[in-house]
Amino acid sequence: MTILYFGQIQSITSLAKEELNGATNLKELKELLIKKYPTLSDANFVFSVNQKIVEACELKENDEVALLPPFSGG
């Protein structure tokens, strides 16, 4: 699956995107990412899967997952 990073998350990973496999749901993906980028554990972010913000879901190989920093409206 493709993982996209934005804002402070992109600063932590030093990447805009990468391909990752090995997670079947968001909980597993978060654990995998924190193991790879330990400072993510201190970051505040939400997941978007295929352009929809979600708190939990099953993941498929061709999904696009974005880690989005907090944002505020005006």
PDB file of N, CA and C in Angstrom:
ATOM      1  N   MET A   1       0.838  -1.172   0.000  1.00  0.00           N
ATOM      2  CA  MET A   1       0.000   0.000   0.000  1.00  0.00           C
ATOM      3  C   MET A   1       0.883   1.235   0.000  1.00  0.00           C
ATOM      4  N   THR A   2       0.322   2.326  -0.460  1.00  0.00           N
ATOM      5  CA  THR A   2       1.047   3.586  -0.503  1.00  0.00           C
ATOM      6  C   THR A   2       0.719   4.388   0.745  1.00  0.00           C
ATOM      7  N   ILE A   3       1.756   4.860   1.418  1.00  0.00           N
ATOM      8  CA  ILE A   3       1.591   5.683   2.613  1.00  0.00           C
ATOM      9  C   ILE A   3       2.051   7.096   2.261  1.00  0.00           C
ATOM     10  N   LEU A   4       1.178   8.075   2.510  1.00  0.00           N
ATOM     11  CA  LEU A   4       1.491   9.478   2.242  1.00  0.00           C
ATOM     12  C   LEU A   4       1.657  10.215   3.563  1.00  0.00           C
ATOM     13  N   TYR A   5       2.653  11.095   3.612  1.00  0.00           N
ATOM     14  CA  TYR A   5       2.932  11.854   4.830  1.00  0.00           C
ATOM     15  C   TYR A   5       2.781  13.349   4.551  1.00  0.00           C
ATOM     16  N   PHE A   6       2.175  14.062   5.500  1.00  0.00           N
ATOM     17  CA  PHE A   6       1.955  15.497   5.342  1.00  0.00           C
ATOM     18  C   PHE A   6       2.398  16.248   6.591  1.00  0.00           C
ATOM     19  N   GLY A   7       2.761  17.519   6.414  1.00  0.00           N
ATOM     20  CA  GLY A   7       3.072  18.410   7.527  1.00  0.00           C
ATOM     21  C   GLY A   7       4.173  17.876   8.418  1.00  0.00           C
ATOM     22  N   GLN A   8       3.935  17.931   9.735  1.00  0.00           N
ATOM     23  CA  GLN A   8       4.943  17.503  10.704  1.00  0.00           C
ATOM     24  C   GLN A   8       5.274  16.029  10.557  1.00  0.00           C
ATOM     25  N   ILE A   9       4.329  15.240  10.066  1.00  0.00           N
ATOM     26  CA  ILE A   9       4.588  13.812   9.871  1.00  0.00           C
ATOM     27  C   ILE A   9       5.636  13.618   8.784  1.00  0.00           C
ATOM     28  N   GLN A  10       5.552  14.412   7.740  1.00  0.00           N
ATOM     29  CA  GLN A  10       6.550  14.352   6.673  1.00  0.00           C
ATOM     30  C   GLN A  10       7.927  14.744   7.213  1.00  0.00           C
ATOM     31  N   SER A  11       7.965  15.710   8.132  1.00  0.00           N
ATOM     32  CA  SER A  11       9.240  16.105   8.743  1.00  0.00           C
ATOM     33  C   SER A  11       9.835  14.955   9.559  1.00  0.00           C
ATOM     34  N   ILE A  12       8.984  14.207  10.248  1.00  0.00           N
ATOM     35  CA  ILE A  12       9.454  13.088  11.077  1.00  0.00           C
ATOM     36  C   ILE A  12      10.015  11.966  10.206  1.00  0.00           C
ATOM     37  N   THR A  13       9.319  11.635   9.129  1.00  0.00           N
ATOM     38  CA  THR A  13       9.735  10.510   8.283  1.00  0.00           C
ATOM     39  C   THR A  13      10.764  10.903   7.229  1.00  0.00           C
ATOM     40  N   SER A  14      10.861  12.201   6.942  1.00  0.00           N
ATOM     41  CA  SER A  14      11.721  12.715   5.858  1.00  0.00           C
ATOM     42  C   SER A  14      11.294  12.184   4.494  1.00  0.00           C
ATOM     43  N   LEU A  15      10.038  11.762   4.390  1.00  0.00           N
ATOM     44  CA  LEU A  15       9.497  11.243   3.135  1.00  0.00           C
ATOM     45  C   LEU A  15       8.134  11.863   2.876  1.00  0.00           C
ATOM     46  N   ALA A  16       7.789  12.014   1.601  1.00  0.00           N
ATOM     47  CA  ALA A  16       6.439  12.435   1.231  1.00  0.00           C
ATOM     48  C   ALA A  16       5.544  11.207   1.074  1.00  0.00           C
ATOM     49  N   LYS A  17       6.156  10.093   0.617  1.00  0.00           N
ATOM     50  CA  LYS A  17       5.399   8.848   0.487  1.00  0.00           C
ATOM     51  C   LYS A  17       6.339   7.671   0.426  1.00  0.00           C
ATOM     52  N   GLU A  18       5.790   6.506   0.719  1.00  0.00           N
ATOM     53  CA  GLU A  18       6.544   5.261   0.601  1.00  0.00           C
ATOM     54  C   GLU A  18       5.572   4.101   0.450  1.00  0.00           C
ATOM     55  N   GLU A  19       6.089   2.986  -0.007  1.00  0.00           N
ATOM     56  CA  GLU A  19       5.301   1.764  -0.138  1.00  0.00           C
ATOM     57  C   GLU A  19       5.600   0.870   1.068  1.00  0.00           C
ATOM     58  N   LEU A  20       4.557   0.423   1.733  1.00  0.00           N
ATOM     59  CA  LEU A  20       4.721  -0.456   2.890  1.00  0.00           C
ATOM     60  C   LEU A  20       3.725  -1.599   2.793  1.00  0.00           C
ATOM     61  N   ASN A  21       4.131  -2.746   3.284  1.00  0.00           N
ATOM     62  CA  ASN A  21       3.244  -3.900   3.373  1.00  0.00           C
ATOM     63  C   ASN A  21       3.425  -4.518   4.744  1.00  0.00           C
ATOM     64  N   GLY A  22       2.556  -5.420   5.101  1.00  0.00           N
ATOM     65  CA  GLY A  22       2.706  -6.120   6.360  1.00  0.00           C
ATOM     66  C   GLY A  22       1.679  -5.738   7.408  1.00  0.00           C
ATOM     67  N   ALA A  23       0.756  -4.846   7.077  1.00  0.00           N
ATOM     68  CA  ALA A  23      -0.297  -4.472   8.021  1.00  0.00           C
ATOM     69  C   ALA A  23      -1.647  -4.777   7.393  1.00  0.00           C
ATOM     70  N   THR A  24      -2.535  -5.381   8.172  1.00  0.00           N
ATOM     71  CA  THR A  24      -3.860  -5.707   7.647  1.00  0.00           C
ATOM     72  C   THR A  24      -4.937  -4.755   8.150  1.00  0.00           C
ATOM     73  N   ASN A  25      -4.568  -3.896   9.130  1.00  0.00           N
ATOM     74  CA  ASN A  25      -5.517  -2.896   9.624  1.00  0.00           C
ATOM     75  C   ASN A  25      -4.746  -1.681  10.135  1.00  0.00           C
ATOM     76  N   LEU A  26      -5.454  -0.627  10.503  1.00  0.00           N
ATOM     77  CA  LEU A  26      -4.785   0.608  10.913  1.00  0.00           C
ATOM     78  C   LEU A  26      -3.998   0.452  12.207  1.00  0.00           C
ATOM     79  N   LYS A  27      -4.480  -0.373  13.120  1.00  0.00           N
ATOM     80  CA  LYS A  27      -3.747  -0.584  14.376  1.00  0.00           C
ATOM     81  C   LYS A  27      -2.374  -1.186  14.089  1.00  0.00           C
ATOM     82  N   GLU A  28      -2.337  -2.211  13.238  1.00  0.00           N
ATOM     83  CA  GLU A  28      -1.059  -2.830  12.864  1.00  0.00           C
ATOM     84  C   GLU A  28      -0.166  -1.836  12.126  1.00  0.00           C
ATOM     85  N   LEU A  29      -0.761  -1.048  11.244  1.00  0.00           N
ATOM     86  CA  LEU A  29       0.021  -0.071  10.496  1.00  0.00           C
ATOM     87  C   LEU A  29       0.635   0.962  11.434  1.00  0.00           C
ATOM     88  N   LYS A  30      -0.139   1.446  12.391  1.00  0.00           N
ATOM     89  CA  LYS A  30       0.386   2.437  13.337  1.00  0.00           C
ATOM     90  C   LYS A  30       1.547   1.844  14.130  1.00  0.00           C
ATOM     91  N   GLU A  31       1.409   0.609  14.591  1.00  0.00           N
ATOM     92  CA  GLU A  31       2.493  -0.056  15.323  1.00  0.00           C
ATOM     93  C   GLU A  31       3.737  -0.201  14.449  1.00  0.00           C
ATOM     94  N   LEU A  32       3.551  -0.590  13.190  1.00  0.00           N
ATOM     95  CA  LEU A  32       4.659  -0.748  12.262  1.00  0.00           C
ATOM     96  C   LEU A  32       5.366   0.591  12.032  1.00  0.00           C
ATOM     97  N   LEU A  33       4.579   1.658  11.853  1.00  0.00           N
ATOM     98  CA  LEU A  33       5.162   2.976  11.599  1.00  0.00           C
ATOM     99  C   LEU A  33       5.900   3.524  12.816  1.00  0.00           C
ATOM    100  N   ILE A  34       5.352   3.294  14.010  1.00  0.00           N
ATOM    101  CA  ILE A  34       6.022   3.773  15.224  1.00  0.00           C
ATOM    102  C   ILE A  34       7.320   3.003  15.458  1.00  0.00           C
ATOM    103  N   LYS A  35       7.325   1.717  15.103  1.00  0.00           N
ATOM    104  CA  LYS A  35       8.564   0.946  15.213  1.00  0.00           C
ATOM    105  C   LYS A  35       9.617   1.500  14.247  1.00  0.00           C
ATOM    106  N   LYS A  36       9.188   1.887  13.055  1.00  0.00           N
ATOM    107  CA  LYS A  36      10.104   2.413  12.038  1.00  0.00           C
ATOM    108  C   LYS A  36      10.507   3.860  12.323  1.00  0.00           C
ATOM    109  N   TYR A  37       9.557   4.657  12.830  1.00  0.00           N
ATOM    110  CA  TYR A  37       9.784   6.074  13.136  1.00  0.00           C
ATOM    111  C   TYR A  37       9.331   6.329  14.580  1.00  0.00           C
ATOM    112  N   PRO A  38      10.178   6.036  15.576  1.00  0.00           N
ATOM    113  CA  PRO A  38       9.761   6.121  16.983  1.00  0.00           C
ATOM    114  C   PRO A  38       9.173   7.475  17.401  1.00  0.00           C
ATOM    115  N   THR A  39       9.621   8.568  16.823  1.00  0.00           N
ATOM    116  CA  THR A  39       9.087   9.880  17.233  1.00  0.00           C
ATOM    117  C   THR A  39       7.636  10.076  16.788  1.00  0.00           C
ATOM    118  N   LEU A  40       7.125   9.212  15.933  1.00  0.00           N
ATOM    119  CA  LEU A  40       5.705   9.289  15.571  1.00  0.00           C
ATOM    120  C   LEU A  40       4.803   9.048  16.774  1.00  0.00           C
ATOM    121  N   SER A  41       5.318   8.343  17.783  1.00  0.00           N
ATOM    122  CA  SER A  41       4.501   8.067  18.966  1.00  0.00           C
ATOM    123  C   SER A  41       4.121   9.350  19.696  1.00  0.00           C
ATOM    124  N   ASP A  42       4.902  10.412  19.523  1.00  0.00           N
ATOM    125  CA  ASP A  42       4.609  11.703  20.156  1.00  0.00           C
ATOM    126  C   ASP A  42       3.792  12.630  19.256  1.00  0.00           C
ATOM    127  N   ALA A  43       3.583  12.229  18.008  1.00  0.00           N
ATOM    128  CA  ALA A  43       2.896  13.091  17.040  1.00  0.00           C
ATOM    129  C   ALA A  43       1.384  12.885  17.102  1.00  0.00           C
ATOM    130  N   ASN A  44       0.664  13.938  16.802  1.00  0.00           N
ATOM    131  CA  ASN A  44      -0.786  13.887  16.741  1.00  0.00           C
ATOM    132  C   ASN A  44      -1.193  13.857  15.268  1.00  0.00           C
ATOM    133  N   PHE A  45      -1.911  12.818  14.854  1.00  0.00           N
ATOM    134  CA  PHE A  45      -2.317  12.709  13.451  1.00  0.00           C
ATOM    135  C   PHE A  45      -3.549  11.835  13.324  1.00  0.00           C
ATOM    136  N   VAL A  46      -4.192  11.937  12.185  1.00  0.00           N
ATOM    137  CA  VAL A  46      -5.316  11.059  11.863  1.00  0.00           C
ATOM    138  C   VAL A  46      -4.977  10.308  10.580  1.00  0.00           C
ATOM    139  N   PHE A  47      -5.654   9.180  10.394  1.00  0.00           N
ATOM    140  CA  PHE A  47      -5.471   8.389   9.179  1.00  0.00           C
ATOM    141  C   PHE A  47      -6.569   8.703   8.180  1.00  0.00           C
ATOM    142  N   SER A  48      -6.176   8.751   6.920  1.00  0.00           N
ATOM    143  CA  SER A  48      -7.119   8.814   5.816  1.00  0.00           C
ATOM    144  C   SER A  48      -6.829   7.601   4.936  1.00  0.00           C
ATOM    145  N   VAL A  49      -7.858   6.820   4.641  1.00  0.00           N
ATOM    146  CA  VAL A  49      -7.697   5.656   3.768  1.00  0.00           C
ATOM    147  C   VAL A  49      -8.545   5.894   2.531  1.00  0.00           C
ATOM    148  N   ASN A  50      -7.872   5.916   1.390  1.00  0.00           N
ATOM    149  CA  ASN A  50      -8.537   6.189   0.116  1.00  0.00           C
ATOM    150  C   ASN A  50      -9.363   7.476   0.196  1.00  0.00           C
ATOM    151  N   GLN A  51      -8.748   8.503   0.777  1.00  0.00           N
ATOM    152  CA  GLN A  51      -9.270   9.868   0.863  1.00  0.00           C
ATOM    153  C   GLN A  51     -10.484  10.006   1.780  1.00  0.00           C
ATOM    154  N   LYS A  52     -10.625   9.108   2.749  1.00  0.00           N
ATOM    155  CA  LYS A  52     -11.674   9.218   3.768  1.00  0.00           C
ATOM    156  C   LYS A  52     -11.033   9.071   5.134  1.00  0.00           C
ATOM    157  N   ILE A  53     -11.275  10.035   6.026  1.00  0.00           N
ATOM    158  CA  ILE A  53     -10.720   9.966   7.372  1.00  0.00           C
ATOM    159  C   ILE A  53     -11.428   8.853   8.137  1.00  0.00           C
ATOM    160  N   VAL A  54     -10.617   7.962   8.706  1.00  0.00           N
ATOM    161  CA  VAL A  54     -11.152   6.808   9.431  1.00  0.00           C
ATOM    162  C   VAL A  54     -10.372   6.619  10.725  1.00  0.00           C
ATOM    163  N   GLU A  55     -11.020   5.960  11.688  1.00  0.00           N
ATOM    164  CA  GLU A  55     -10.343   5.640  12.942  1.00  0.00           C
ATOM    165  C   GLU A  55      -9.883   4.193  12.964  1.00  0.00           C
ATOM    166  N   ALA A  56     -10.601   3.336  12.237  1.00  0.00           N
ATOM    167  CA  ALA A  56     -10.230   1.923  12.177  1.00  0.00           C
ATOM    168  C   ALA A  56     -10.792   1.330  10.890  1.00  0.00           C
ATOM    169  N   CYS A  57     -10.021   0.466  10.270  1.00  0.00           N
ATOM    170  CA  CYS A  57     -10.502  -0.249   9.083  1.00  0.00           C
ATOM    171  C   CYS A  57      -9.500  -1.322   8.693  1.00  0.00           C
ATOM    172  N   GLU A  58      -9.963  -2.260   7.892  1.00  0.00           N
ATOM    173  CA  GLU A  58      -9.084  -3.266   7.308  1.00  0.00           C
ATOM    174  C   GLU A  58      -8.378  -2.632   6.111  1.00  0.00           C
ATOM    175  N   LEU A  59      -7.153  -3.056   5.866  1.00  0.00           N
ATOM    176  CA  LEU A  59      -6.369  -2.495   4.768  1.00  0.00           C
ATOM    177  C   LEU A  59      -6.146  -3.538   3.686  1.00  0.00           C
ATOM    178  N   LYS A  60      -6.120  -3.056   2.442  1.00  0.00           N
ATOM    179  CA  LYS A  60      -5.854  -3.912   1.290  1.00  0.00           C
ATOM    180  C   LYS A  60      -4.564  -3.444   0.623  1.00  0.00           C
ATOM    181  N   GLU A  61      -4.006  -4.294  -0.188  1.00  0.00           N
ATOM    182  CA  GLU A  61      -2.705  -4.036  -0.813  1.00  0.00           C
ATOM    183  C   GLU A  61      -2.674  -2.744  -1.627  1.00  0.00           C
ATOM    184  N   ASN A  62      -3.775  -2.413  -2.298  1.00  0.00           N
ATOM    185  CA  ASN A  62      -3.769  -1.242  -3.184  1.00  0.00           C
ATOM    186  C   ASN A  62      -4.320   0.026  -2.513  1.00  0.00           C
ATOM    187  N   ASP A  63      -4.510   0.011  -1.192  1.00  0.00           N
ATOM    188  CA  ASP A  63      -5.022   1.192  -0.495  1.00  0.00           C
ATOM    189  C   ASP A  63      -3.995   2.317  -0.471  1.00  0.00           C
ATOM    190  N   GLU A  64      -4.511   3.535  -0.408  1.00  0.00           N
ATOM    191  CA  GLU A  64      -3.683   4.722  -0.214  1.00  0.00           C
ATOM    192  C   GLU A  64      -4.005   5.263   1.178  1.00  0.00           C
ATOM    193  N   VAL A  65      -3.007   5.261   2.034  1.00  0.00           N
ATOM    194  CA  VAL A  65      -3.185   5.699   3.417  1.00  0.00           C
ATOM    195  C   VAL A  65      -2.387   6.974   3.631  1.00  0.00           C
ATOM    196  N   ALA A  66      -3.050   8.003   4.149  1.00  0.00           N
ATOM    197  CA  ALA A  66      -2.365   9.263   4.444  1.00  0.00           C
ATOM    198  C   ALA A  66      -2.361   9.497   5.945  1.00  0.00           C
ATOM    199  N   LEU A  67      -1.252  10.007   6.449  1.00  0.00           N
ATOM    200  CA  LEU A  67      -1.165  10.448   7.830  1.00  0.00           C
ATOM    201  C   LEU A  67      -1.247  11.950   7.819  1.00  0.00           C
ATOM    202  N   LEU A  68      -2.315  12.464   8.405  1.00  0.00           N
ATOM    203  CA  LEU A  68      -2.600  13.895   8.344  1.00  0.00           C
ATOM    204  C   LEU A  68      -2.429  14.530   9.722  1.00  0.00           C
ATOM    205  N   PRO A  69      -1.682  15.632   9.801  1.00  0.00           N
ATOM    206  CA  PRO A  69      -1.562  16.341  11.067  1.00  0.00           C
ATOM    207  C   PRO A  69      -2.872  17.032  11.411  1.00  0.00           C
ATOM    208  N   PRO A  70      -3.024  17.481  12.654  1.00  0.00           N
ATOM    209  CA  PRO A  70      -4.250  18.198  13.004  1.00  0.00           C
ATOM    210  C   PRO A  70      -4.419  19.437  12.122  1.00  0.00           C
ATOM    211  N   PHE A  71      -5.634  19.750  11.805  1.00  0.00           N
ATOM    212  CA  PHE A  71      -5.902  20.941  11.012  1.00  0.00           C
ATOM    213  C   PHE A  71      -7.107  21.655  11.619  1.00  0.00           C
ATOM    214  N   SER A  72      -7.163  22.943  11.383  1.00  0.00           N
ATOM    215  CA  SER A  72      -8.286  23.717  11.937  1.00  0.00           C
ATOM    216  C   SER A  72      -8.937  24.514  10.828  1.00  0.00           C
ATOM    217  N   GLY A  73     -10.216  24.725  10.984  1.00  0.00           N
ATOM    218  CA  GLY A  73     -10.972  25.486   9.990  1.00  0.00           C
ATOM    219  C   GLY A  73     -10.960  26.966  10.308  1.00  0.00           C
ATOM    220  N   GLY A  74     -11.375  27.741   9.339  1.00  0.00           N
ATOM    221  CA  GLY A  74     -11.357  29.172   9.556  1.00  0.00           C
ATOM    222  C   GLY A  74     -12.720  29.788   9.408  1.00  0.00           C
TER     223      GLY A  74
END
